[in-house]
Amino acid sequence: MTACPYCHRDEKGEPMTMDTAAVEVPGIDRYFENDLKDLASEDLFARDQAVIRVAQRGFGVVQALNSILSDFAKPGLAGVAAALGRIGDRRSIPFLAQAAKLGDEDLRIAAVWALAQFHEPEVLPSLMSESERAHPMIQSFLASVLGTFQDARVVPVLAKLSVHSHREVAFQAVNALGEIGDRAALPVLQKSWRHGEPLVRAASAASIRRLGGRPSWISPRIVTIGIVCLVAVGMVAWIVYK
């Protein structure tokens, strides 16, 4: 991890934490304000560097960043959300969830990314909710993220994304279904293997094998119908013969 440029040492020569440095070092607020201004810069490199610098301040600036993020009229909010995702303080989760719902496109993307960094059960409802929005870039990212939770609640969400018209979204969804480890996903994967594009079919086959199954051209429904028909024909034949 890159050393924080604002860390200092105490009178004993021991390094102070970022929180202590942010509170006790004179003039630090001025630098912080400059970083916040850079978060709204039109220069992508300047914004990224500002995100890194702000995140390096650690937990001591979380409350200030949360307060800023709650005011959607302020500039540079996407950078604020990204910094909060890097810091990883759970106090930010409600603010990021709100930003993901109500922010503009840049803020939504940054907030969703930040929420995904926590990997906590409490962020899962927000991530699943955001996956329903018609935004292939976000949906593709979330499909890959949801698989890492290994939670059965995400199977219906990923099943819906597995038939998405956007190939990348469908690919990430079927790949994630294999990572969850829930065999309840097999029917969905079999369907995507039979009807998906080549890339999606390949990912579906890999996920099916990962869950202990085998790709099959025949769906369980067709097999059931076939068995019922055979039984019916057999009964008719028996009646006629009798």
Protein backbone atom coordinates (compact mmCIF):
# COMPACT_ATOMS: atom_id res chain seq x y z
CA MET A 1 0.00 0.00 0.00
CA THR A 2 1.31 3.49 -0.83
CA ALA A 3 2.44 5.40 2.22
CA CYS A 4 0.19 8.23 3.28
CA PRO A 5 1.85 11.61 2.52
CA TYR A 6 0.10 13.10 5.56
CA CYS A 7 1.37 10.59 8.18
CA HIS A 8 3.76 12.02 10.78
CA ARG A 9 5.69 10.78 13.78
CA ASP A 10 5.08 11.65 17.41
CA GLU A 11 7.62 12.87 19.95
CA LYS A 12 8.81 9.29 20.50
CA GLY A 13 9.47 8.79 16.82
CA GLU A 14 6.51 6.45 16.38
CA PRO A 15 4.36 6.93 13.28
CA MET A 16 0.98 8.44 14.00
CA THR A 17 -2.13 6.99 12.40
CA MET A 18 -3.79 8.80 9.50
CA ASP A 19 -6.67 9.77 11.79
CA THR A 20 -4.36 11.46 14.30
CA ALA A 21 -2.39 13.22 11.60
CA ALA A 22 -5.56 14.49 9.96
CA VAL A 23 -6.74 15.99 13.25
CA GLU A 24 -3.57 17.38 14.81
CA VAL A 25 -1.33 18.58 11.97
CA PRO A 26 -1.80 22.33 11.35
CA GLY A 27 -2.95 23.29 7.88
CA ILE A 28 -4.14 19.80 6.96
CA ASP A 29 -7.70 21.05 6.30
CA ARG A 30 -6.42 23.30 3.54
CA TYR A 31 -4.82 20.34 1.77
CA PHE A 32 -7.98 18.32 2.27
CA GLU A 33 -10.04 21.07 0.67
CA ASN A 34 -7.66 21.12 -2.30
CA ASP A 35 -8.08 17.37 -2.68
CA LEU A 36 -11.85 17.75 -2.61
CA LYS A 37 -11.64 20.33 -5.37
CA ASP A 38 -9.50 17.97 -7.44
CA LEU A 39 -12.20 15.29 -7.11
CA ALA A 40 -14.30 17.47 -9.43
CA SER A 41 -11.46 18.12 -11.89
CA GLU A 42 -12.09 17.53 -15.59
CA ASP A 43 -8.66 15.87 -15.74
CA LEU A 44 -9.19 12.13 -15.19
CA PHE A 45 -5.66 11.61 -13.86
CA ALA A 46 -6.04 14.48 -11.39
CA ARG A 47 -9.33 13.03 -10.16
CA ASP A 48 -7.86 9.55 -9.71
CA GLN A 49 -4.90 10.90 -7.77
CA ALA A 50 -7.22 12.95 -5.58
CA VAL A 51 -9.27 9.83 -4.81
CA ILE A 52 -6.09 8.03 -3.72
CA ARG A 53 -4.94 10.93 -1.54
CA VAL A 54 -8.33 11.33 0.12
CA ALA A 55 -8.63 7.58 0.73
CA GLN A 56 -5.19 7.51 2.32
CA ARG A 57 -6.47 9.76 5.09
CA GLY A 58 -8.46 6.79 6.36
CA PHE A 59 -11.30 6.67 8.84
CA GLY A 60 -10.69 10.19 10.14
CA VAL A 61 -12.30 11.82 7.09
CA VAL A 62 -15.20 9.41 6.66
CA GLN A 63 -17.77 11.54 8.46
CA ALA A 64 -16.81 14.58 6.39
CA LEU A 65 -17.05 12.58 3.17
CA ASN A 66 -20.40 11.11 4.19
CA SER A 67 -21.72 14.61 4.81
CA ILE A 68 -20.50 15.77 1.41
CA LEU A 69 -22.01 12.74 -0.32
CA SER A 70 -25.42 13.47 1.19
CA ASP A 71 -25.64 16.75 -0.75
CA PHE A 72 -26.16 15.88 -4.41
CA ALA A 73 -25.66 19.51 -5.44
CA LYS A 74 -21.96 19.42 -4.62
CA PRO A 75 -19.35 18.67 -7.32
CA GLY A 76 -16.96 15.73 -7.34
CA LEU A 77 -19.33 13.28 -5.67
CA ALA A 78 -18.28 10.34 -7.84
CA GLY A 79 -14.74 10.80 -6.52
CA VAL A 80 -16.04 11.03 -2.96
CA ALA A 81 -17.90 7.74 -3.41
CA ALA A 82 -14.80 6.10 -4.86
CA ALA A 83 -12.71 7.29 -1.91
CA LEU A 84 -15.25 5.91 0.55
CA GLY A 85 -15.13 2.58 -1.23
CA ARG A 86 -11.37 2.50 -0.86
CA ILE A 87 -11.51 3.38 2.84
CA GLY A 88 -14.13 0.72 3.55
CA ASP A 89 -15.81 2.20 6.63
CA ARG A 90 -19.25 0.62 7.15
CA ARG A 91 -20.66 3.97 8.27
CA SER A 92 -20.64 4.95 4.60
CA ILE A 93 -22.91 2.16 3.41
CA PRO A 94 -26.25 4.04 3.83
CA PHE A 95 -24.84 7.13 2.09
CA LEU A 96 -23.48 5.08 -0.80
CA ALA A 97 -26.75 3.18 -1.14
CA GLN A 98 -28.63 6.47 -1.35
CA ALA A 99 -26.17 7.80 -3.93
CA ALA A 100 -26.60 4.66 -6.02
CA LYS A 101 -30.36 5.23 -6.07
CA LEU A 102 -30.56 8.99 -6.58
CA GLY A 103 -27.27 10.14 -8.07
CA ASP A 104 -26.47 10.96 -11.68
CA GLU A 105 -24.91 8.30 -13.90
CA ASP A 106 -21.29 8.95 -12.86
CA LEU A 107 -22.18 8.97 -9.18
CA ARG A 108 -24.31 5.83 -9.50
CA ILE A 109 -21.49 3.92 -11.15
CA ALA A 110 -18.99 5.04 -8.50
CA ALA A 111 -21.42 4.32 -5.64
CA VAL A 112 -22.21 0.83 -6.91
CA TRP A 113 -18.50 0.09 -7.26
CA ALA A 114 -17.90 1.40 -3.73
CA LEU A 115 -20.70 -0.70 -2.25
CA ALA A 116 -19.27 -3.80 -3.90
CA GLN A 117 -15.97 -3.27 -2.08
CA PHE A 118 -17.55 -3.96 1.30
CA HIS A 119 -18.69 -7.51 0.55
CA GLU A 120 -20.98 -7.36 3.57
CA PRO A 121 -24.44 -9.03 3.72
CA GLU A 122 -26.03 -5.66 4.39
CA VAL A 123 -25.01 -4.29 0.97
CA LEU A 124 -26.45 -7.25 -0.92
CA PRO A 125 -30.05 -5.88 -1.17
CA SER A 126 -28.75 -2.63 -2.65
CA LEU A 127 -26.58 -4.45 -5.19
CA MET A 128 -29.43 -6.75 -6.22
CA SER A 129 -31.76 -3.78 -6.57
CA GLU A 130 -29.29 -1.87 -8.74
CA SER A 131 -28.85 -4.88 -11.02
CA GLU A 132 -32.44 -4.40 -12.19
CA ARG A 133 -31.72 -1.02 -13.72
CA ALA A 134 -31.33 -1.02 -17.50
CA HIS A 135 -27.64 -0.16 -17.55
CA PRO A 136 -25.52 -2.93 -19.15
CA MET A 137 -22.25 -1.59 -17.74
CA ILE A 138 -23.53 -1.69 -14.15
CA GLN A 139 -25.42 -4.94 -14.69
CA SER A 140 -22.34 -6.66 -16.09
CA PHE A 141 -20.22 -5.53 -13.16
CA LEU A 142 -22.85 -6.51 -10.61
CA ALA A 143 -23.37 -9.94 -12.18
CA SER A 144 -19.70 -10.73 -11.58
CA VAL A 145 -19.83 -9.27 -8.05
CA LEU A 146 -22.99 -11.08 -6.93
CA GLY A 147 -21.40 -14.46 -7.61
CA THR A 148 -18.71 -13.77 -5.02
CA PHE A 149 -21.28 -13.54 -2.22
CA GLN A 150 -22.19 -17.23 -2.58
CA ASP A 151 -25.69 -16.44 -1.31
CA ALA A 152 -28.72 -18.31 -2.64
CA ARG A 153 -30.69 -15.04 -2.73
CA VAL A 154 -28.77 -13.91 -5.80
CA VAL A 155 -29.70 -16.95 -7.93
CA PRO A 156 -33.03 -15.47 -9.20
CA VAL A 157 -31.30 -12.17 -9.96
CA LEU A 158 -28.52 -13.86 -11.91
CA ALA A 159 -31.05 -16.11 -13.64
CA LYS A 160 -32.77 -13.01 -14.99
CA LEU A 161 -29.47 -11.49 -16.09
CA SER A 162 -28.42 -14.74 -17.77
CA VAL A 163 -30.96 -14.14 -20.54
CA HIS A 164 -30.03 -10.47 -20.96
CA SER A 165 -29.82 -9.25 -24.55
CA HIS A 166 -26.36 -7.81 -23.85
CA ARG A 167 -23.84 -10.61 -24.28
CA GLU A 168 -21.41 -9.40 -21.59
CA VAL A 169 -24.17 -9.22 -18.97
CA ALA A 170 -25.37 -12.74 -19.80
CA PHE A 171 -21.81 -14.06 -19.81
CA GLN A 172 -20.99 -12.62 -16.39
CA ALA A 173 -24.30 -13.91 -14.98
CA VAL A 174 -23.86 -17.54 -16.05
CA ASN A 175 -20.25 -17.47 -14.90
CA ALA A 176 -21.35 -16.14 -11.49
CA LEU A 177 -24.02 -18.85 -11.18
CA GLY A 178 -21.26 -21.42 -11.28
CA GLU A 179 -19.30 -19.65 -8.55
CA ILE A 180 -22.19 -19.62 -6.07
CA GLY A 181 -22.15 -23.40 -5.70
CA ASP A 182 -25.94 -23.78 -5.59
CA ARG A 183 -27.23 -26.62 -7.77
CA ALA A 184 -30.57 -24.83 -7.99
CA ALA A 185 -28.88 -22.82 -10.75
CA LEU A 186 -28.49 -25.89 -13.01
CA PRO A 187 -31.85 -25.53 -14.86
CA VAL A 188 -31.03 -21.90 -15.64
CA LEU A 189 -27.57 -22.81 -16.86
CA GLN A 190 -28.88 -25.66 -18.99
CA LYS A 191 -31.30 -23.25 -20.64
CA SER A 192 -28.58 -20.68 -21.36
CA TRP A 193 -26.35 -23.47 -22.68
CA ARG A 194 -29.04 -24.55 -25.15
CA HIS A 195 -30.11 -21.08 -26.32
CA GLY A 196 -27.28 -18.64 -25.62
CA GLU A 197 -24.61 -17.18 -27.87
CA PRO A 198 -21.37 -19.17 -28.30
CA LEU A 199 -19.54 -17.23 -25.56
CA VAL A 200 -22.48 -17.56 -23.17
CA ARG A 201 -22.88 -21.26 -24.01
CA ALA A 202 -19.21 -21.89 -23.24
CA ALA A 203 -19.48 -20.12 -19.88
CA SER A 204 -22.72 -21.98 -19.12
CA ALA A 205 -21.13 -25.35 -19.85
CA ALA A 206 -18.20 -24.52 -17.55
CA SER A 207 -20.58 -23.49 -14.75
CA ILE A 208 -22.70 -26.61 -15.20
CA ARG A 209 -19.64 -28.83 -14.81
CA ARG A 210 -18.49 -26.78 -11.83
CA LEU A 211 -21.80 -27.62 -10.14
CA GLY A 212 -21.43 -31.32 -10.91
CA GLY A 213 -23.80 -31.48 -13.89
CA ARG A 214 -23.51 -32.15 -17.61
CA PRO A 215 -24.74 -29.95 -20.44
CA SER A 216 -27.87 -31.47 -21.96
CA TRP A 217 -29.84 -30.63 -25.09
CA ILE A 218 -33.03 -31.99 -23.54
CA SER A 219 -34.74 -29.98 -20.83
CA PRO A 220 -36.32 -31.73 -17.80
CA ARG A 221 -39.71 -30.44 -18.96
CA ILE A 222 -39.40 -32.21 -22.31
CA VAL A 223 -38.24 -35.39 -20.59
CA THR A 224 -41.28 -35.25 -18.28
CA ILE A 225 -43.65 -34.68 -21.20
CA GLY A 226 -42.03 -37.56 -23.07
CA ILE A 227 -42.46 -39.92 -20.13
CA VAL A 228 -46.10 -38.90 -19.70
CA CYS A 229 -46.76 -39.49 -23.39
CA LEU A 230 -45.10 -42.89 -23.29
CA VAL A 231 -47.17 -43.90 -20.28
CA ALA A 232 -50.37 -42.68 -21.98
CA VAL A 233 -49.56 -44.60 -25.16
CA GLY A 234 -48.79 -47.69 -23.14
CA MET A 235 -52.11 -47.47 -21.29
CA VAL A 236 -54.03 -47.04 -24.54
CA ALA A 237 -52.22 -49.99 -26.07
CA TRP A 238 -52.97 -52.12 -23.02
CA ILE A 239 -56.66 -51.22 -23.13
CA VAL A 240 -56.88 -52.00 -26.85
CA TYR A 241 -55.03 -55.27 -26.41
CA LYS A 242 -57.25 -56.27 -23.49
